[in-house]
Amino acid sequence: MTPEDLKYTVEHEWLRTPGDQPGSLRVGITDYAQDALGDIVYVSLPEVGTALTAGSACGELESTKSVSDIYAPVSGEVVARNEALDATPELVNTDPYGAGWLFEIVPNDAAEADQLLDAASYQAQLDG
C-alpha cells in the first residue's frame, strides 16, 4: 500500500508534510524499500544541523542482506533525527510510515517537494 498523503523519490524515500518541527518535512523509506532490504540491523542518520543537497547520500541502512544509502529528497537542514532507531532499527521494517521515520529536514525551497512523485506516480514506477 502506498499512502496517498506522501511525496516519493525514485530512490524509495517518502516525504511527509509537515514534520514535528516548524517548517520541516519528515523523511523515511517506503514499505517497498524496507521489504527489499530485509531485516534492518543498523541505521546511520545525518546529524542535526547538517546541510543536505537533494539527491545526495546522507545516511545508510544496514540489513542482513546489504548496506543501502539514504538519499536526501530535498535540499535543506536536518532539524531532527529518529533517535529510537539507534536501539531499535527494526522499526524501519515494522512501521516504515510511522515510528520507523528517519529524519526531518527544513527545505531551502518548499516548492522543491512539489517536484517529487505523488503516490500514483510512485506506484506506477514500481509496477513499471
C-alpha atoms as a PDB file:
ATOM      1  CA  MET A   1       0.000   0.000   0.000  1.00  0.00           C
ATOM      2  CA  THR A   2       1.305   3.436  -0.950  1.00  0.00           C
ATOM      3  CA  PRO A   3      -0.035   6.191   1.357  1.00  0.00           C
ATOM      4  CA  GLU A   4      -1.727   8.926  -0.694  1.00  0.00           C
ATOM      5  CA  ASP A   5      -0.678  11.839   1.543  1.00  0.00           C
ATOM      6  CA  LEU A   6       3.080  11.490   0.966  1.00  0.00           C
ATOM      7  CA  LYS A   7       5.548  12.519  -1.745  1.00  0.00           C
ATOM      8  CA  TYR A   8       8.076   9.970  -3.045  1.00  0.00           C
ATOM      9  CA  THR A   9      11.501   9.785  -4.678  1.00  0.00           C
ATOM     10  CA  VAL A  10      12.626   7.285  -7.303  1.00  0.00           C
ATOM     11  CA  GLU A  11      15.117   6.051  -4.661  1.00  0.00           C
ATOM     12  CA  HIS A  12      12.161   4.974  -2.433  1.00  0.00           C
ATOM     13  CA  GLU A  13      12.246   7.725   0.189  1.00  0.00           C
ATOM     14  CA  TRP A  14       8.986   9.344   1.291  1.00  0.00           C
ATOM     15  CA  LEU A  15       8.319  12.863   2.486  1.00  0.00           C
ATOM     16  CA  ARG A  16       5.517  13.889   4.851  1.00  0.00           C
ATOM     17  CA  THR A  17       4.372  17.466   5.347  1.00  0.00           C
ATOM     18  CA  PRO A  18       4.580  18.764   7.966  1.00  0.00           C
ATOM     19  CA  GLY A  19       7.124  17.230  10.298  1.00  0.00           C
ATOM     20  CA  ASP A  20       7.121  17.888  14.045  1.00  0.00           C
ATOM     21  CA  GLN A  21       9.456  20.894  13.797  1.00  0.00           C
ATOM     22  CA  PRO A  22       8.086  24.184  12.328  1.00  0.00           C
ATOM     23  CA  GLY A  23       8.552  24.233   8.555  1.00  0.00           C
ATOM     24  CA  SER A  24      10.047  20.749   8.477  1.00  0.00           C
ATOM     25  CA  LEU A  25       9.360  17.694   6.353  1.00  0.00           C
ATOM     26  CA  ARG A  26       9.624  14.169   7.746  1.00  0.00           C
ATOM     27  CA  VAL A  27      11.611  11.624   5.720  1.00  0.00           C
ATOM     28  CA  GLY A  28      11.517   7.827   5.703  1.00  0.00           C
ATOM     29  CA  ILE A  29      11.784   4.884   3.329  1.00  0.00           C
ATOM     30  CA  THR A  30       8.872   3.153   1.683  1.00  0.00           C
ATOM     31  CA  ASP A  31       7.408  -0.211   2.544  1.00  0.00           C
ATOM     32  CA  TYR A  32       8.714  -1.467  -0.796  1.00  0.00           C
ATOM     33  CA  ALA A  33      12.271  -0.395   0.122  1.00  0.00           C
ATOM     34  CA  GLN A  34      12.246  -1.901   3.620  1.00  0.00           C
ATOM     35  CA  ASP A  35      10.878  -5.168   2.196  1.00  0.00           C
ATOM     36  CA  ALA A  36      13.601  -5.273  -0.481  1.00  0.00           C
ATOM     37  CA  LEU A  37      16.311  -4.568   2.117  1.00  0.00           C
ATOM     38  CA  GLY A  38      15.222  -7.266   4.541  1.00  0.00           C
ATOM     39  CA  ASP A  39      15.791  -7.119   8.290  1.00  0.00           C
ATOM     40  CA  ILE A  40      17.401  -3.771   9.139  1.00  0.00           C
ATOM     41  CA  VAL A  41      20.033  -4.110  11.858  1.00  0.00           C
ATOM     42  CA  TYR A  42      21.702  -0.665  11.845  1.00  0.00           C
ATOM     43  CA  VAL A  43      20.741   2.863  10.774  1.00  0.00           C
ATOM     44  CA  SER A  44      23.192   5.726  10.189  1.00  0.00           C
ATOM     45  CA  LEU A  45      21.458   9.125  10.016  1.00  0.00           C
ATOM     46  CA  PRO A  46      22.710  12.668   9.340  1.00  0.00           C
ATOM     47  CA  GLU A  47      23.373  14.807  12.405  1.00  0.00           C
ATOM     48  CA  VAL A  48      21.054  17.674  13.354  1.00  0.00           C
ATOM     49  CA  GLY A  49      22.379  20.842  11.746  1.00  0.00           C
ATOM     50  CA  THR A  50      23.750  19.053   8.664  1.00  0.00           C
ATOM     51  CA  ALA A  51      23.051  20.809   5.359  1.00  0.00           C
ATOM     52  CA  LEU A  52      21.887  18.321   2.714  1.00  0.00           C
ATOM     53  CA  THR A  53      21.648  18.586  -1.056  1.00  0.00           C
ATOM     54  CA  ALA A  54      18.742  16.910  -2.832  1.00  0.00           C
ATOM     55  CA  GLY A  55      19.768  13.569  -4.298  1.00  0.00           C
ATOM     56  CA  SER A  56      22.926  13.229  -2.218  1.00  0.00           C
ATOM     57  CA  ALA A  57      23.576  10.257   0.050  1.00  0.00           C
ATOM     58  CA  CYS A  58      23.108  11.320   3.680  1.00  0.00           C
ATOM     59  CA  GLY A  59      22.973   8.084   5.656  1.00  0.00           C
ATOM     60  CA  GLU A  60      22.870   4.300   5.456  1.00  0.00           C
ATOM     61  CA  LEU A  61      20.558   1.424   6.234  1.00  0.00           C
ATOM     62  CA  GLU A  62      22.329  -1.824   7.008  1.00  0.00           C
ATOM     63  CA  SER A  63      20.337  -5.023   6.695  1.00  0.00           C
ATOM     64  CA  THR A  64      21.176  -8.698   6.962  1.00  0.00           C
ATOM     65  CA  LYS A  65      21.426  -8.634   3.130  1.00  0.00           C
ATOM     66  CA  SER A  66      23.249  -5.398   2.272  1.00  0.00           C
ATOM     67  CA  VAL A  67      24.043  -1.761   3.038  1.00  0.00           C
ATOM     68  CA  SER A  68      21.922   0.811   1.230  1.00  0.00           C
ATOM     69  CA  ASP A  69      22.309   4.585   1.030  1.00  0.00           C
ATOM     70  CA  ILE A  70      19.636   7.018   2.220  1.00  0.00           C
ATOM     71  CA  TYR A  71      19.245   9.974  -0.157  1.00  0.00           C
ATOM     72  CA  ALA A  72      18.080  13.487   0.708  1.00  0.00           C
ATOM     73  CA  PRO A  73      14.748  14.055  -1.075  1.00  0.00           C
ATOM     74  CA  VAL A  74      15.160  17.866  -0.911  1.00  0.00           C
ATOM     75  CA  SER A  75      17.938  20.324  -0.075  1.00  0.00           C
ATOM     76  CA  GLY A  76      17.890  21.817   3.410  1.00  0.00           C
ATOM     77  CA  GLU A  77      18.968  21.467   7.029  1.00  0.00           C
ATOM     78  CA  VAL A  78      18.399  18.436   9.246  1.00  0.00           C
ATOM     79  CA  VAL A  79      16.427  19.540  12.325  1.00  0.00           C
ATOM     80  CA  ALA A  80      15.585  16.171  13.918  1.00  0.00           C
ATOM     81  CA  ARG A  81      16.572  12.528  13.688  1.00  0.00           C
ATOM     82  CA  ASN A  82      14.771   9.461  14.926  1.00  0.00           C
ATOM     83  CA  GLU A  83      16.954   8.550  17.901  1.00  0.00           C
ATOM     84  CA  ALA A  84      14.762   5.499  18.629  1.00  0.00           C
ATOM     85  CA  LEU A  85      16.373   3.782  15.633  1.00  0.00           C
ATOM     86  CA  ASP A  86      19.707   3.600  17.482  1.00  0.00           C
ATOM     87  CA  ALA A  87      18.262   0.974  19.827  1.00  0.00           C
ATOM     88  CA  THR A  88      15.504  -0.431  17.606  1.00  0.00           C
ATOM     89  CA  PRO A  89      16.454  -0.179  13.902  1.00  0.00           C
ATOM     90  CA  GLU A  90      13.798  -2.792  13.086  1.00  0.00           C
ATOM     91  CA  LEU A  91      11.148  -0.042  13.445  1.00  0.00           C
ATOM     92  CA  VAL A  92      12.004   0.803   9.819  1.00  0.00           C
ATOM     93  CA  ASN A  93      10.741  -2.690   8.903  1.00  0.00           C
ATOM     94  CA  THR A  94       7.716  -2.875  11.190  1.00  0.00           C
ATOM     95  CA  ASP A  95       6.382   0.689  10.751  1.00  0.00           C
ATOM     96  CA  PRO A  96       8.110   2.414   7.789  1.00  0.00           C
ATOM     97  CA  TYR A  97       5.480   5.181   7.516  1.00  0.00           C
ATOM     98  CA  GLY A  98       5.177   5.781  11.280  1.00  0.00           C
ATOM     99  CA  ALA A  99       7.631   5.020  14.097  1.00  0.00           C
ATOM    100  CA  GLY A 100      10.303   3.996  11.555  1.00  0.00           C
ATOM    101  CA  TRP A 101      10.764   7.526  10.138  1.00  0.00           C
ATOM    102  CA  LEU A 102      14.392   8.601   9.648  1.00  0.00           C
ATOM    103  CA  PHE A 103      14.895  12.375   9.970  1.00  0.00           C
ATOM    104  CA  GLU A 104      13.271  15.777   9.492  1.00  0.00           C
ATOM    105  CA  ILE A 105      14.573  18.482   7.196  1.00  0.00           C
ATOM    106  CA  VAL A 106      13.685  22.162   6.765  1.00  0.00           C
ATOM    107  CA  PRO A 107      13.885  22.656   2.998  1.00  0.00           C
ATOM    108  CA  ASN A 108      15.734  25.577   1.442  1.00  0.00           C
ATOM    109  CA  ASP A 109      12.859  25.837  -1.041  1.00  0.00           C
ATOM    110  CA  ALA A 110       9.483  24.386  -0.006  1.00  0.00           C
ATOM    111  CA  ALA A 111       8.478  24.113  -3.675  1.00  0.00           C
ATOM    112  CA  GLU A 112      11.219  21.522  -4.200  1.00  0.00           C
ATOM    113  CA  ALA A 113       8.990  18.896  -2.542  1.00  0.00           C
ATOM    114  CA  ASP A 114       6.337  19.557  -5.194  1.00  0.00           C
ATOM    115  CA  GLN A 115       8.709  18.112  -7.797  1.00  0.00           C
ATOM    116  CA  LEU A 116       8.631  14.676  -6.156  1.00  0.00           C
ATOM    117  CA  LEU A 117       6.340  11.816  -7.176  1.00  0.00           C
ATOM    118  CA  ASP A 118       2.794  11.531  -5.893  1.00  0.00           C
ATOM    119  CA  ALA A 119       1.515   8.137  -4.697  1.00  0.00           C
ATOM    120  CA  ALA A 120       0.068   7.138  -8.094  1.00  0.00           C
ATOM    121  CA  SER A 121       3.289   8.014  -9.944  1.00  0.00           C
ATOM    122  CA  TYR A 122       5.420   6.162  -7.389  1.00  0.00           C
ATOM    123  CA  GLN A 123       3.202   3.084  -7.598  1.00  0.00           C
ATOM    124  CA  ALA A 124       3.326   3.211 -11.414  1.00  0.00           C
ATOM    125  CA  GLN A 125       7.144   3.232 -11.193  1.00  0.00           C
ATOM    126  CA  LEU A 126       7.038   0.111  -9.006  1.00  0.00           C
ATOM    127  CA  ASP A 127       4.608  -1.633 -11.339  1.00  0.00           C
ATOM    128  CA  GLY A 128       6.523  -0.433 -14.403  1.00  0.00           C
END
